[in-house]
């Protein structure tokens, strides 16, 4: 077995650092372009969000749903911009890994928060279809009363006994 010398270690580290520096210099134009694309997508996302926020009240009167839709569109544009920037940096494997990781995280969160997700989806459907309105008398399970407020996750019902009850939207739906 050969003896390891400090000089050999120094040369290995120096070679590695020189390789990284060379790669950085070669990728500098791509890095600058990726940064410009991220900035451009940020401004485009803000413009799209403002446009959607102005248009949605014509379609739906539910402020929570309108806010949710505009935020989802904003985030989607930012995510697309991030993937475009990663492609410019020639990090295709990173994009693939991120998409796979997002799928796994989505599956885990879906299992962990399935009750919340069910209430949320029911709230979105209720906001779009409007089967009940504030002031309607409803009966859901053992709760009967007047609808006071409808959120994306729950509906507040004022019972005839004078109690304010929060009923999950999946039960109301």
N, C-alpha and C. Protein backbone atom coordinates (compact mmCIF):
# COMPACT_ATOMS: atom_id res chain seq x y z
N UNK A 1 0.85 -1.17 0.00
CA UNK A 1 0.00 0.00 0.00
C UNK A 1 0.89 1.23 0.00
N UNK A 2 0.52 2.16 -0.83
CA UNK A 2 1.30 3.38 -1.01
C UNK A 2 1.02 4.35 0.13
N UNK A 3 2.03 5.07 0.56
CA UNK A 3 1.83 6.08 1.60
C UNK A 3 1.13 7.30 1.01
N UNK A 4 0.20 7.82 1.77
CA UNK A 4 -0.53 9.02 1.34
C UNK A 4 0.24 10.23 1.81
N UNK A 5 0.46 11.18 0.90
CA UNK A 5 1.20 12.39 1.25
C UNK A 5 0.26 13.58 1.18
N UNK A 6 0.54 14.56 2.01
CA UNK A 6 -0.25 15.79 2.04
C UNK A 6 -0.26 16.46 0.68
N UNK A 7 0.85 16.40 -0.03
CA UNK A 7 0.93 17.03 -1.35
C UNK A 7 -0.09 16.40 -2.31
N UNK A 8 -0.27 15.08 -2.19
CA UNK A 8 -1.24 14.40 -3.05
C UNK A 8 -2.66 14.90 -2.74
N UNK A 9 -2.97 15.04 -1.47
CA UNK A 9 -4.28 15.55 -1.05
C UNK A 9 -4.49 16.97 -1.53
N UNK A 10 -3.45 17.77 -1.42
CA UNK A 10 -3.53 19.16 -1.88
C UNK A 10 -3.82 19.21 -3.37
N UNK A 11 -3.14 18.37 -4.15
CA UNK A 11 -3.34 18.34 -5.60
C UNK A 11 -4.75 17.88 -5.96
N UNK A 12 -5.28 16.90 -5.21
CA UNK A 12 -6.65 16.43 -5.46
C UNK A 12 -7.67 17.55 -5.22
N UNK A 13 -7.53 18.23 -4.09
CA UNK A 13 -8.45 19.33 -3.75
C UNK A 13 -8.30 20.45 -4.76
N UNK A 14 -7.08 20.79 -5.11
CA UNK A 14 -6.82 21.87 -6.07
C UNK A 14 -7.44 21.53 -7.43
N UNK A 15 -7.27 20.30 -7.86
CA UNK A 15 -7.85 19.87 -9.14
C UNK A 15 -9.37 19.95 -9.14
N UNK A 16 -9.97 19.53 -8.04
CA UNK A 16 -11.42 19.57 -7.92
C UNK A 16 -11.92 21.01 -7.94
N UNK A 17 -11.27 21.89 -7.18
CA UNK A 17 -11.67 23.30 -7.15
C UNK A 17 -11.49 23.98 -8.51
N UNK A 18 -10.42 23.64 -9.20
CA UNK A 18 -10.20 24.19 -10.54
C UNK A 18 -11.29 23.73 -11.51
N UNK A 19 -11.69 22.48 -11.38
CA UNK A 19 -12.76 21.95 -12.22
C UNK A 19 -14.07 22.68 -11.97
N UNK A 20 -14.38 22.92 -10.68
CA UNK A 20 -15.60 23.65 -10.33
C UNK A 20 -15.55 25.08 -10.86
N UNK A 21 -14.40 25.72 -10.74
CA UNK A 21 -14.25 27.10 -11.24
C UNK A 21 -14.43 27.15 -12.75
N UNK A 22 -13.85 26.18 -13.44
CA UNK A 22 -13.98 26.12 -14.90
C UNK A 22 -15.46 25.94 -15.29
N UNK A 23 -16.15 25.04 -14.61
CA UNK A 23 -17.57 24.81 -14.88
C UNK A 23 -18.39 26.07 -14.59
N UNK A 24 -18.08 26.77 -13.49
CA UNK A 24 -18.78 28.01 -13.15
C UNK A 24 -18.60 29.05 -14.24
N UNK A 25 -17.39 29.19 -14.72
CA UNK A 25 -17.11 30.18 -15.77
C UNK A 25 -17.84 29.80 -17.06
N UNK A 26 -17.86 28.50 -17.39
CA UNK A 26 -18.56 28.05 -18.59
C UNK A 26 -20.07 28.24 -18.47
N UNK A 27 -20.61 28.08 -17.27
CA UNK A 27 -22.05 28.16 -17.06
C UNK A 27 -22.54 29.57 -16.71
N UNK A 28 -21.62 30.52 -16.57
CA UNK A 28 -22.01 31.88 -16.17
C UNK A 28 -23.07 32.50 -17.07
N UNK A 29 -22.95 32.41 -18.40
CA UNK A 29 -24.02 32.96 -19.24
C UNK A 29 -25.37 32.28 -18.99
N UNK A 30 -25.36 30.96 -18.81
CA UNK A 30 -26.60 30.24 -18.52
C UNK A 30 -27.17 30.66 -17.17
N UNK A 31 -26.29 30.87 -16.19
CA UNK A 31 -26.74 31.30 -14.87
C UNK A 31 -27.40 32.67 -14.94
N UNK A 32 -26.79 33.58 -15.68
CA UNK A 32 -27.37 34.92 -15.82
C UNK A 32 -28.72 34.84 -16.53
N UNK A 33 -28.81 34.02 -17.56
CA UNK A 33 -30.07 33.86 -18.29
C UNK A 33 -31.14 33.24 -17.38
N UNK A 34 -30.75 32.27 -16.58
CA UNK A 34 -31.70 31.63 -15.66
C UNK A 34 -32.23 32.64 -14.64
N UNK A 35 -31.36 33.49 -14.13
CA UNK A 35 -31.78 34.52 -13.18
C UNK A 35 -32.75 35.50 -13.85
N UNK A 36 -32.42 35.91 -15.08
CA UNK A 36 -33.32 36.81 -15.81
C UNK A 36 -34.68 36.16 -16.07
N UNK A 37 -34.67 34.89 -16.39
CA UNK A 37 -35.94 34.19 -16.62
C UNK A 37 -36.75 34.09 -15.34
N UNK A 38 -36.10 33.81 -14.22
CA UNK A 38 -36.82 33.78 -12.94
C UNK A 38 -37.46 35.13 -12.63
N UNK A 39 -36.72 36.20 -12.85
CA UNK A 39 -37.25 37.55 -12.60
C UNK A 39 -38.42 37.83 -13.54
N UNK A 40 -38.28 37.46 -14.82
CA UNK A 40 -39.35 37.68 -15.79
C UNK A 40 -40.61 36.90 -15.40
N UNK A 41 -40.44 35.64 -15.01
CA UNK A 41 -41.59 34.83 -14.62
C UNK A 41 -42.24 35.37 -13.34
N UNK A 42 -41.46 35.94 -12.44
CA UNK A 42 -42.02 36.54 -11.23
C UNK A 42 -42.96 37.69 -11.61
N UNK A 43 -42.50 38.57 -12.51
CA UNK A 43 -43.34 39.70 -12.91
C UNK A 43 -44.55 39.24 -13.73
N UNK A 44 -44.35 38.25 -14.58
CA UNK A 44 -45.48 37.70 -15.34
C UNK A 44 -46.51 37.09 -14.38
N UNK A 45 -46.03 36.38 -13.37
CA UNK A 45 -46.94 35.76 -12.39
C UNK A 45 -47.74 36.83 -11.66
N UNK A 46 -47.11 37.93 -11.29
CA UNK A 46 -47.84 39.01 -10.62
C UNK A 46 -48.89 39.62 -11.53
N UNK A 47 -48.53 39.84 -12.80
CA UNK A 47 -49.49 40.40 -13.75
C UNK A 47 -50.67 39.45 -13.97
N UNK A 48 -50.38 38.18 -14.14
CA UNK A 48 -51.44 37.19 -14.34
C UNK A 48 -52.34 37.13 -13.10
N UNK A 49 -51.74 37.16 -11.91
CA UNK A 49 -52.54 37.11 -10.68
C UNK A 49 -53.46 38.33 -10.59
N UNK A 50 -52.95 39.51 -10.92
CA UNK A 50 -53.80 40.71 -10.89
C UNK A 50 -54.93 40.60 -11.90
N UNK A 51 -54.62 40.14 -13.11
CA UNK A 51 -55.65 39.98 -14.14
C UNK A 51 -56.72 38.98 -13.74
N UNK A 52 -56.28 37.85 -13.20
CA UNK A 52 -57.23 36.82 -12.77
C UNK A 52 -58.06 37.34 -11.59
N UNK A 53 -57.43 38.06 -10.67
CA UNK A 53 -58.14 38.61 -9.52
C UNK A 53 -59.22 39.61 -9.94
N UNK A 54 -58.98 40.35 -11.01
CA UNK A 54 -59.99 41.29 -11.51
C UNK A 54 -61.10 40.58 -12.28
N UNK A 55 -60.77 39.47 -12.95
CA UNK A 55 -61.74 38.76 -13.75
C UNK A 55 -62.65 37.84 -12.94
N UNK A 56 -62.11 37.20 -11.91
CA UNK A 56 -62.85 36.19 -11.16
C UNK A 56 -64.13 36.70 -10.49
N UNK A 57 -64.17 37.91 -9.94
CA UNK A 57 -65.44 38.35 -9.32
C UNK A 57 -66.62 38.38 -10.29
N UNK A 58 -66.35 38.43 -11.58
CA UNK A 58 -67.44 38.37 -12.57
C UNK A 58 -68.01 36.95 -12.66
N UNK A 59 -67.18 35.96 -12.36
CA UNK A 59 -67.58 34.56 -12.47
C UNK A 59 -68.12 34.03 -11.14
N UNK A 60 -67.45 34.39 -10.05
CA UNK A 60 -67.82 33.85 -8.73
C UNK A 60 -67.83 34.97 -7.69
N UNK A 61 -68.80 34.92 -6.82
CA UNK A 61 -68.91 35.92 -5.75
C UNK A 61 -68.14 35.51 -4.49
N UNK A 62 -67.64 34.28 -4.46
CA UNK A 62 -66.94 33.76 -3.30
C UNK A 62 -65.51 34.29 -3.28
N UNK A 63 -65.22 35.19 -2.34
CA UNK A 63 -63.89 35.81 -2.27
C UNK A 63 -62.80 34.79 -1.94
N UNK A 64 -63.11 33.85 -1.06
CA UNK A 64 -62.12 32.84 -0.69
C UNK A 64 -61.73 31.99 -1.89
N UNK A 65 -62.71 31.58 -2.66
CA UNK A 65 -62.43 30.77 -3.84
C UNK A 65 -61.65 31.57 -4.87
N UNK A 66 -62.03 32.82 -5.08
CA UNK A 66 -61.33 33.68 -6.03
C UNK A 66 -59.87 33.87 -5.63
N UNK A 67 -59.64 34.10 -4.34
CA UNK A 67 -58.29 34.28 -3.83
C UNK A 67 -57.48 32.99 -4.00
N UNK A 68 -58.10 31.86 -3.73
CA UNK A 68 -57.43 30.57 -3.88
C UNK A 68 -57.02 30.35 -5.34
N UNK A 69 -57.93 30.58 -6.26
CA UNK A 69 -57.64 30.36 -7.68
C UNK A 69 -56.51 31.27 -8.15
N UNK A 70 -56.56 32.55 -7.78
CA UNK A 70 -55.51 33.47 -8.22
C UNK A 70 -54.16 33.10 -7.63
N UNK A 71 -54.12 32.64 -6.38
CA UNK A 71 -52.86 32.22 -5.76
C UNK A 71 -52.31 30.94 -6.40
N UNK A 72 -53.19 30.00 -6.73
CA UNK A 72 -52.75 28.76 -7.37
C UNK A 72 -52.15 29.07 -8.74
N UNK A 73 -52.78 29.96 -9.49
CA UNK A 73 -52.25 30.34 -10.81
C UNK A 73 -50.91 31.04 -10.66
N UNK A 74 -50.78 31.92 -9.67
CA UNK A 74 -49.52 32.62 -9.40
C UNK A 74 -48.40 31.62 -9.12
N UNK A 75 -48.68 30.66 -8.23
CA UNK A 75 -47.67 29.66 -7.86
C UNK A 75 -47.32 28.78 -9.06
N UNK A 76 -48.32 28.43 -9.88
CA UNK A 76 -48.07 27.60 -11.06
C UNK A 76 -47.12 28.31 -12.03
N UNK A 77 -47.32 29.61 -12.24
CA UNK A 77 -46.43 30.36 -13.15
C UNK A 77 -45.01 30.40 -12.58
N UNK A 78 -44.88 30.62 -11.27
CA UNK A 78 -43.56 30.64 -10.63
C UNK A 78 -42.88 29.28 -10.77
N UNK A 79 -43.62 28.19 -10.58
CA UNK A 79 -43.05 26.84 -10.69
C UNK A 79 -42.59 26.58 -12.12
N UNK A 80 -43.39 26.97 -13.11
CA UNK A 80 -42.99 26.80 -14.51
C UNK A 80 -41.70 27.58 -14.78
N UNK A 81 -41.62 28.81 -14.27
CA UNK A 81 -40.41 29.61 -14.43
C UNK A 81 -39.19 28.96 -13.80
N UNK A 82 -39.38 28.37 -12.64
CA UNK A 82 -38.28 27.67 -11.96
C UNK A 82 -37.80 26.48 -12.79
N UNK A 83 -38.73 25.71 -13.35
CA UNK A 83 -38.35 24.57 -14.17
C UNK A 83 -37.64 25.03 -15.45
N UNK A 84 -38.10 26.11 -16.05
CA UNK A 84 -37.44 26.64 -17.25
C UNK A 84 -36.01 27.06 -16.90
N UNK A 85 -35.84 27.74 -15.76
CA UNK A 85 -34.50 28.18 -15.33
C UNK A 85 -33.59 26.98 -15.08
N UNK A 86 -34.12 25.93 -14.47
CA UNK A 86 -33.31 24.73 -14.22
C UNK A 86 -32.93 24.05 -15.54
N UNK A 87 -33.82 24.08 -16.51
CA UNK A 87 -33.50 23.51 -17.82
C UNK A 87 -32.37 24.30 -18.48
N UNK A 88 -32.39 25.62 -18.36
CA UNK A 88 -31.33 26.45 -18.94
C UNK A 88 -29.99 26.14 -18.27
N UNK A 89 -30.03 25.85 -16.99
CA UNK A 89 -28.81 25.50 -16.26
C UNK A 89 -28.38 24.04 -16.51
N UNK A 90 -29.11 23.37 -17.41
CA UNK A 90 -28.83 21.98 -17.76
C UNK A 90 -28.91 21.06 -16.55
N UNK A 91 -29.92 21.29 -15.74
CA UNK A 91 -30.14 20.47 -14.55
C UNK A 91 -31.41 19.62 -14.73
N UNK A 92 -31.49 18.90 -15.85
CA UNK A 92 -32.66 18.11 -16.16
C UNK A 92 -32.93 17.04 -15.10
N UNK A 93 -31.86 16.46 -14.58
CA UNK A 93 -32.02 15.43 -13.55
C UNK A 93 -32.61 16.03 -12.28
N UNK A 94 -32.26 17.28 -11.99
CA UNK A 94 -32.82 17.96 -10.83
C UNK A 94 -34.31 18.18 -11.02
N UNK A 95 -34.71 18.57 -12.22
CA UNK A 95 -36.13 18.77 -12.51
C UNK A 95 -36.88 17.46 -12.32
N UNK A 96 -36.34 16.37 -12.83
CA UNK A 96 -36.97 15.07 -12.68
C UNK A 96 -37.08 14.68 -11.21
N UNK A 97 -36.01 14.91 -10.47
CA UNK A 97 -36.02 14.59 -9.03
C UNK A 97 -37.04 15.44 -8.28
N UNK A 98 -37.12 16.72 -8.63
CA UNK A 98 -38.10 17.60 -7.98
C UNK A 98 -39.53 17.16 -8.26
N UNK A 99 -39.80 16.79 -9.51
CA UNK A 99 -41.15 16.33 -9.86
C UNK A 99 -41.49 15.03 -9.13
N UNK A 100 -40.53 14.12 -9.05
CA UNK A 100 -40.77 12.87 -8.34
C UNK A 100 -40.98 13.14 -6.85
N UNK A 101 -40.16 14.02 -6.29
CA UNK A 101 -40.31 14.38 -4.88
C UNK A 101 -41.64 15.04 -4.60
N UNK A 102 -42.08 15.91 -5.52
CA UNK A 102 -43.38 16.58 -5.35
C UNK A 102 -44.51 15.56 -5.36
N UNK A 103 -44.38 14.54 -6.22
CA UNK A 103 -45.40 13.50 -6.26
C UNK A 103 -45.46 12.71 -4.96
N UNK A 104 -44.31 12.36 -4.44
CA UNK A 104 -44.26 11.61 -3.18
C UNK A 104 -44.80 12.45 -2.03
N UNK A 105 -44.39 13.72 -1.98
CA UNK A 105 -44.87 14.61 -0.92
C UNK A 105 -46.38 14.81 -1.04
N UNK A 106 -46.86 14.97 -2.27
CA UNK A 106 -48.30 15.13 -2.49
C UNK A 106 -49.08 13.93 -2.00
N UNK A 107 -48.56 12.74 -2.28
CA UNK A 107 -49.21 11.51 -1.83
C UNK A 107 -49.22 11.42 -0.31
N UNK A 108 -48.09 11.73 0.32
CA UNK A 108 -48.01 11.69 1.78
C UNK A 108 -48.94 12.71 2.42
N UNK A 109 -48.96 13.93 1.88
CA UNK A 109 -49.84 14.95 2.43
C UNK A 109 -51.31 14.61 2.20
N UNK A 110 -51.60 14.00 1.05
CA UNK A 110 -52.97 13.59 0.76
C UNK A 110 -53.47 12.57 1.77
N UNK A 111 -52.60 11.64 2.14
CA UNK A 111 -52.99 10.64 3.15
C UNK A 111 -53.10 11.27 4.54
N UNK A 112 -52.17 12.14 4.87
CA UNK A 112 -52.15 12.73 6.20
C UNK A 112 -53.30 13.71 6.42
N UNK A 113 -53.67 14.43 5.38
CA UNK A 113 -54.69 15.47 5.53
C UNK A 113 -55.94 15.18 4.72
N UNK A 114 -56.33 13.91 4.64
CA UNK A 114 -57.46 13.58 3.78
C UNK A 114 -58.76 14.18 4.28
N UNK A 115 -58.96 14.32 5.59
CA UNK A 115 -60.18 14.96 6.10
C UNK A 115 -60.22 16.43 5.71
N UNK A 116 -59.10 17.11 5.92
CA UNK A 116 -59.02 18.53 5.56
C UNK A 116 -59.20 18.70 4.06
N UNK A 117 -58.56 17.82 3.28
CA UNK A 117 -58.69 17.91 1.82
C UNK A 117 -60.13 17.66 1.38
N UNK A 118 -60.79 16.70 2.02
CA UNK A 118 -62.18 16.40 1.67
C UNK A 118 -63.07 17.61 1.96
N UNK A 119 -62.85 18.26 3.10
CA UNK A 119 -63.62 19.46 3.44
C UNK A 119 -63.33 20.59 2.46
N UNK A 120 -62.07 20.71 2.09
CA UNK A 120 -61.64 21.77 1.18
C UNK A 120 -62.26 21.57 -0.21
N UNK A 121 -62.19 20.34 -0.72
CA UNK A 121 -62.76 20.05 -2.04
C UNK A 121 -64.28 20.25 -2.00
N UNK A 122 -64.92 19.79 -0.94
CA UNK A 122 -66.37 20.00 -0.81
C UNK A 122 -66.69 21.50 -0.77
N UNK A 123 -65.85 22.28 -0.09
CA UNK A 123 -66.05 23.73 -0.04
C UNK A 123 -65.91 24.39 -1.40
N UNK A 124 -64.94 23.91 -2.19
CA UNK A 124 -64.77 24.45 -3.55
C UNK A 124 -65.98 24.10 -4.41
N UNK A 125 -66.44 22.86 -4.33
CA UNK A 125 -67.61 22.47 -5.11
C UNK A 125 -68.83 23.28 -4.67
N UNK A 126 -68.98 23.47 -3.37
CA UNK A 126 -70.11 24.26 -2.87
C UNK A 126 -70.01 25.72 -3.33
N UNK A 127 -68.79 26.25 -3.39
CA UNK A 127 -68.62 27.63 -3.84
C UNK A 127 -68.96 27.78 -5.32
N UNK A 128 -68.62 26.77 -6.11
CA UNK A 128 -68.89 26.83 -7.55
C UNK A 128 -70.37 26.60 -7.84
N UNK A 129 -70.95 25.57 -7.22
CA UNK A 129 -72.34 25.21 -7.50
C UNK A 129 -73.35 26.03 -6.70
N UNK A 130 -72.95 26.52 -5.55
CA UNK A 130 -73.82 27.30 -4.64
C UNK A 130 -75.13 26.57 -4.30
N UNK A 131 -75.05 25.35 -3.73
CA UNK A 131 -76.30 24.65 -3.38
C UNK A 131 -76.99 25.29 -2.17
N UNK A 132 -76.19 25.94 -1.31
CA UNK A 132 -76.79 26.66 -0.17
C UNK A 132 -76.22 28.07 -0.13
N UNK A 133 -76.98 28.96 0.49
CA UNK A 133 -76.57 30.35 0.61
C UNK A 133 -76.72 30.79 2.06
N UNK A 134 -76.08 31.90 2.38
CA UNK A 134 -76.23 32.45 3.72
C UNK A 134 -77.70 32.80 3.93
N UNK A 135 -78.22 32.38 5.07
CA UNK A 135 -79.63 32.61 5.38
C UNK A 135 -80.52 31.41 5.13
N UNK A 136 -80.01 30.39 4.42
CA UNK A 136 -80.78 29.18 4.18
C UNK A 136 -80.89 28.36 5.47
N UNK A 137 -81.98 27.64 5.60
CA UNK A 137 -82.14 26.70 6.72
C UNK A 137 -81.71 25.34 6.22
N UNK A 138 -80.75 24.74 6.93
CA UNK A 138 -80.24 23.42 6.53
C UNK A 138 -80.26 22.46 7.70
N UNK A 139 -80.20 21.18 7.36
CA UNK A 139 -80.03 20.14 8.37
C UNK A 139 -78.90 19.25 7.91
N UNK A 140 -77.88 19.12 8.73
CA UNK A 140 -76.73 18.29 8.41
C UNK A 140 -76.42 17.44 9.63
N UNK A 141 -76.67 16.15 9.50
CA UNK A 141 -76.47 15.26 10.65
C UNK A 141 -77.48 15.62 11.72
N UNK A 142 -76.99 15.92 12.92
CA UNK A 142 -77.89 16.29 14.01
C UNK A 142 -77.94 17.80 14.23
N UNK A 143 -77.43 18.57 13.27
CA UNK A 143 -77.43 20.04 13.37
C UNK A 143 -78.46 20.60 12.40
N UNK A 144 -79.33 21.45 12.92
CA UNK A 144 -80.31 22.13 12.07
C UNK A 144 -80.32 23.59 12.46
N UNK A 145 -80.27 24.48 11.43
CA UNK A 145 -80.28 25.90 11.73
C UNK A 145 -80.10 26.73 10.48
N UNK A 146 -79.77 28.01 10.70
CA UNK A 146 -79.63 28.99 9.63
C UNK A 146 -78.14 29.15 9.31
N UNK A 147 -77.81 29.10 8.02
CA UNK A 147 -76.42 29.26 7.59
C UNK A 147 -75.98 30.71 7.83
N UNK A 148 -74.90 30.87 8.58
CA UNK A 148 -74.37 32.20 8.88
C UNK A 148 -73.19 32.56 7.98
N UNK A 149 -72.37 31.55 7.69
CA UNK A 149 -71.15 31.81 6.92
C UNK A 149 -70.71 30.52 6.24
N UNK A 150 -70.18 30.65 5.01
CA UNK A 150 -69.68 29.50 4.28
C UNK A 150 -68.22 29.77 3.91
N UNK A 151 -67.32 28.97 4.48
CA UNK A 151 -65.89 29.07 4.16
C UNK A 151 -65.52 27.92 3.24
N UNK A 152 -64.24 27.85 2.86
CA UNK A 152 -63.81 26.76 2.01
C UNK A 152 -63.70 25.43 2.76
N UNK A 153 -63.56 25.47 4.09
CA UNK A 153 -63.43 24.22 4.84
C UNK A 153 -64.65 23.89 5.70
N UNK A 154 -65.41 24.89 6.11
CA UNK A 154 -66.52 24.63 7.02
C UNK A 154 -67.65 25.65 6.81
N UNK A 155 -68.83 25.26 7.28
CA UNK A 155 -70.01 26.12 7.22
C UNK A 155 -70.46 26.40 8.65
N UNK A 156 -70.70 27.67 8.95
CA UNK A 156 -71.18 28.04 10.29
C UNK A 156 -72.70 28.11 10.27
N UNK A 157 -73.32 27.34 11.19
CA UNK A 157 -74.77 27.26 11.27
C UNK A 157 -75.21 27.73 12.65
N UNK A 158 -76.17 28.66 12.66
CA UNK A 158 -76.75 29.16 13.92
C UNK A 158 -78.00 28.33 14.18
N UNK A 159 -77.94 27.46 15.22
CA UNK A 159 -79.06 26.57 15.49
C UNK A 159 -80.22 27.35 16.08
N UNK A 160 -81.39 26.71 16.11
CA UNK A 160 -82.57 27.35 16.67
C UNK A 160 -82.50 27.44 18.19
N UNK A 161 -81.53 26.74 18.79
CA UNK A 161 -81.30 26.84 20.23
C UNK A 161 -80.36 28.00 20.56
N UNK A 162 -79.88 28.71 19.53
CA UNK A 162 -79.01 29.86 19.74
C UNK A 162 -77.52 29.54 19.77
N UNK A 163 -77.14 28.34 19.35
CA UNK A 163 -75.74 27.92 19.36
C UNK A 163 -75.16 28.03 17.95
N UNK A 164 -73.95 28.58 17.87
CA UNK A 164 -73.25 28.66 16.58
C UNK A 164 -72.39 27.40 16.43
N UNK A 165 -72.71 26.59 15.42
CA UNK A 165 -72.02 25.31 15.21
C UNK A 165 -71.25 25.37 13.90
N UNK A 166 -70.00 24.92 13.95
CA UNK A 166 -69.18 24.84 12.75
C UNK A 166 -69.27 23.41 12.22
N UNK A 167 -69.81 23.28 11.01
CA UNK A 167 -70.03 21.96 10.40
C UNK A 167 -69.04 21.80 9.24
N UNK A 168 -68.27 20.70 9.21
CA UNK A 168 -67.35 20.48 8.08
C UNK A 168 -68.12 20.44 6.76
N UNK A 169 -67.54 21.00 5.72
CA UNK A 169 -68.22 21.10 4.43
C UNK A 169 -68.54 19.72 3.82
N UNK A 170 -67.71 18.72 4.08
CA UNK A 170 -68.03 17.41 3.52
C UNK A 170 -69.32 16.86 4.11
N UNK A 171 -69.63 17.21 5.36
CA UNK A 171 -70.89 16.79 5.97
C UNK A 171 -72.06 17.57 5.39
N UNK A 172 -71.85 18.85 5.12
CA UNK A 172 -72.91 19.68 4.55
C UNK A 172 -73.17 19.26 3.11
N UNK A 173 -72.10 19.00 2.38
CA UNK A 173 -72.22 18.66 0.96
C UNK A 173 -72.92 17.34 0.79
